[in-house]
């Protein structure tokens, strides 16, 4: 057998009751924004809507970024072909090591530019990082938005925090 401590809870009397001002807030919240600038093409949710993790919330117009991606792909294909040909030529001594190094650097730069263009295209989609509720919609559809401009405020209403201001005298003396 193990001893168990018990306590009888009595209703508070009027002298122990205190009212304090406070704020109820969500424990998990986020201001959602795109990582690239552009024109809003689709706003798929509104204030008050419940969303799932990974759900598409908004989409930017992708036309300009697709054009840029195509340009970067063409640039990379051409530079990479030159670099590939130069690998054999430098071994034969037909081109200098310095020229080969320049082609190698151009290939690396073109590859980085291509990856950046691919990533920017992905950044045109705004998805929910966690399940929650749209608390605020900051913009309207078809607006031009910057890369850091807030689009939605997302909150998880399943976990709340309550912040209260407790007077100093109560902290020192206790609730009485």
Protein backbone atom coordinates (compact mmCIF):
# COMPACT_ATOMS: atom_id res chain seq x y z
CA UNK A 1 0.00 0.00 0.00
CA UNK A 2 1.12 3.53 -0.75
CA UNK A 3 -0.01 6.54 1.24
CA UNK A 4 -1.92 9.14 -0.77
CA UNK A 5 -2.24 12.83 0.15
CA UNK A 6 -5.72 14.21 -0.18
CA UNK A 7 -7.03 17.74 -0.05
CA UNK A 8 -10.59 18.96 0.21
CA UNK A 9 -11.19 21.98 -1.96
CA UNK A 10 -13.61 24.48 -0.54
CA UNK A 11 -15.40 27.12 -2.60
CA UNK A 12 -13.71 30.50 -2.35
CA UNK A 13 -15.29 33.03 -0.10
CA UNK A 14 -15.87 36.59 -1.27
CA UNK A 15 -12.68 37.92 0.30
CA UNK A 16 -10.44 35.61 -1.76
CA UNK A 17 -11.95 36.43 -5.15
CA UNK A 18 -9.80 38.65 -7.39
CA UNK A 19 -10.39 39.93 -10.90
CA UNK A 20 -7.33 40.77 -12.97
CA UNK A 21 -7.09 42.12 -16.53
CA UNK A 22 -5.65 39.70 -19.03
CA UNK A 23 -5.27 38.74 -22.67
CA UNK A 24 -6.06 35.35 -24.21
CA UNK A 25 -3.75 34.53 -27.12
CA UNK A 26 -2.83 31.53 -29.21
CA UNK A 27 0.33 29.69 -28.13
CA UNK A 28 1.27 29.00 -31.78
CA UNK A 29 0.86 31.77 -34.30
CA UNK A 30 2.61 32.95 -37.44
CA UNK A 31 2.55 35.85 -39.86
CA UNK A 32 2.69 34.22 -43.30
CA UNK A 33 4.32 35.86 -46.28
CA UNK A 34 5.83 34.99 -49.65
CA UNK A 35 9.60 34.91 -50.04
CA UNK A 36 9.41 36.62 -53.44
CA UNK A 37 7.54 39.69 -54.67
CA UNK A 38 4.76 39.48 -57.22
CA UNK A 39 1.11 39.89 -58.07
CA UNK A 40 -1.40 37.81 -56.11
CA UNK A 41 -3.20 35.42 -58.43
CA UNK A 42 -5.21 33.27 -55.98
CA UNK A 43 -6.37 33.84 -52.42
CA UNK A 44 -7.82 30.50 -51.39
CA UNK A 45 -8.81 31.09 -47.75
CA UNK A 46 -10.48 33.85 -45.75
CA UNK A 47 -10.48 35.03 -42.15
CA UNK A 48 -11.93 32.39 -39.84
CA UNK A 49 -11.20 29.45 -42.16
CA UNK A 50 -9.65 26.33 -40.63
CA UNK A 51 -6.61 25.08 -42.56
CA UNK A 52 -4.53 21.91 -42.49
CA UNK A 53 -0.73 21.72 -42.38
CA UNK A 54 0.66 22.03 -45.93
CA UNK A 55 -2.61 23.37 -47.39
CA UNK A 56 -2.19 25.90 -50.22
CA UNK A 57 -3.37 29.29 -48.97
CA UNK A 58 -2.38 31.70 -51.75
CA UNK A 59 -0.56 31.76 -55.07
CA UNK A 60 1.41 34.46 -56.89
CA UNK A 61 1.29 34.91 -60.67
CA UNK A 62 4.11 32.70 -61.98
CA UNK A 63 4.41 34.08 -65.53
CA UNK A 64 7.54 36.23 -65.03
CA UNK A 65 9.31 33.63 -62.90
CA UNK A 66 8.61 30.88 -65.48
CA UNK A 67 10.15 33.07 -68.18
CA UNK A 68 13.17 33.67 -65.95
CA UNK A 69 13.45 29.92 -65.26
CA UNK A 70 13.38 29.12 -68.99
CA UNK A 71 16.11 31.69 -69.59
CA UNK A 72 18.27 30.25 -66.79
CA UNK A 73 17.77 26.70 -68.11
CA UNK A 74 18.90 27.74 -71.62
CA UNK A 75 21.88 29.62 -70.19
CA UNK A 76 22.88 26.63 -68.06
CA UNK A 77 22.58 24.16 -70.96
CA UNK A 78 24.85 26.28 -73.14
CA UNK A 79 27.45 27.00 -70.43
CA UNK A 80 27.42 23.38 -69.25
CA UNK A 81 27.98 22.13 -72.82
CA UNK A 82 30.97 24.49 -73.18
CA UNK A 83 32.34 23.32 -69.84
CA UNK A 84 31.91 19.64 -70.75
CA UNK A 85 33.76 20.13 -74.06
CA UNK A 86 36.53 22.06 -72.31
CA UNK A 87 37.25 19.15 -69.93
CA UNK A 88 38.59 17.06 -72.80
CA UNK A 89 40.35 20.00 -74.43
CA UNK A 90 42.27 21.00 -71.29
CA UNK A 91 43.58 17.42 -70.92
CA UNK A 92 44.90 17.57 -74.50
CA UNK A 93 46.44 20.98 -73.90
CA UNK A 94 44.29 22.67 -76.53
CA UNK A 95 43.00 25.30 -74.07
CA UNK A 96 44.81 26.81 -71.12
CA UNK A 97 44.08 25.91 -67.53
CA UNK A 98 43.05 29.53 -66.95
CA UNK A 99 40.38 29.38 -69.69
CA UNK A 100 39.15 26.07 -68.30
CA UNK A 101 38.86 27.59 -64.80
CA UNK A 102 36.80 30.47 -66.23
CA UNK A 103 34.44 27.99 -67.94
CA UNK A 104 34.21 26.00 -64.72
CA UNK A 105 33.28 29.15 -62.75
CA UNK A 106 30.70 30.12 -65.40
CA UNK A 107 29.20 26.63 -65.16
CA UNK A 108 28.95 26.87 -61.37
CA UNK A 109 27.39 30.34 -61.60
CA UNK A 110 24.87 29.23 -64.25
CA UNK A 111 23.94 26.19 -62.14
CA UNK A 112 23.40 28.40 -59.07
CA UNK A 113 21.28 30.83 -61.09
CA UNK A 114 19.17 27.92 -62.35
CA UNK A 115 18.62 26.58 -58.83
CA UNK A 116 17.68 30.07 -57.61
CA UNK A 117 15.12 30.44 -60.42
CA UNK A 118 13.66 27.00 -59.60
CA UNK A 119 13.43 27.89 -55.92
CA UNK A 120 11.84 31.29 -56.64
CA UNK A 121 9.13 29.53 -58.64
CA UNK A 122 8.40 27.31 -55.63
CA UNK A 123 8.20 30.41 -53.42
CA UNK A 124 5.14 31.61 -55.37
CA UNK A 125 3.01 29.18 -53.33
CA UNK A 126 2.09 30.00 -49.74
CA UNK A 127 1.22 26.98 -47.60
CA UNK A 128 0.20 26.56 -43.96
CA UNK A 129 3.17 25.57 -41.74
CA UNK A 130 0.77 24.03 -39.19
CA UNK A 131 -2.92 23.31 -38.82
CA UNK A 132 -4.88 26.24 -37.46
CA UNK A 133 -7.27 29.07 -38.18
CA UNK A 134 -6.78 32.15 -40.33
CA UNK A 135 -7.01 35.02 -37.84
CA UNK A 136 -6.35 37.89 -40.25
CA UNK A 137 -6.11 38.42 -43.99
CA UNK A 138 -3.89 41.45 -44.65
CA UNK A 139 -4.25 41.80 -48.46
CA UNK A 140 -6.75 41.39 -51.26
CA UNK A 141 -6.45 39.32 -54.40
CA UNK A 142 -4.61 40.78 -57.43
CA UNK A 143 -2.52 43.15 -55.28
CA UNK A 144 1.22 43.52 -55.81
CA UNK A 145 2.99 42.24 -52.69
CA UNK A 146 6.59 42.45 -51.55
CA UNK A 147 8.61 39.47 -50.40
CA UNK A 148 8.27 40.27 -46.70
CA UNK A 149 4.71 41.63 -46.64
CA UNK A 150 2.31 39.75 -44.35
CA UNK A 151 -0.45 37.96 -46.23
CA UNK A 152 -2.19 36.00 -43.45
CA UNK A 153 -2.00 35.67 -39.68
CA UNK A 154 -2.37 31.99 -38.75
CA UNK A 155 -3.17 30.81 -35.22
CA UNK A 156 -3.56 27.40 -33.63
CA UNK A 157 -6.66 27.71 -31.39
CA UNK A 158 -6.10 24.31 -29.76
CA UNK A 159 -3.54 25.74 -27.32
CA UNK A 160 -4.13 29.11 -25.69
CA UNK A 161 -2.06 31.23 -23.35
CA UNK A 162 -3.51 33.69 -20.87
CA UNK A 163 -1.38 36.66 -19.90
CA UNK A 164 -2.44 38.60 -16.83
CA UNK A 165 -1.01 41.62 -15.08
CA UNK A 166 -0.56 40.75 -11.39
CA UNK A 167 -0.03 43.79 -9.12
CA UNK A 168 3.22 43.90 -7.16
CA UNK A 169 1.47 43.97 -3.81
CA UNK A 170 -0.21 40.62 -4.62
CA UNK A 171 3.12 39.14 -5.67
CA UNK A 172 4.75 40.15 -2.40
CA UNK A 173 1.91 39.50 0.09
CA UNK A 174 0.04 36.74 -1.68
CA UNK A 175 -3.64 36.67 -2.70
CA UNK A 176 -5.07 37.82 0.64
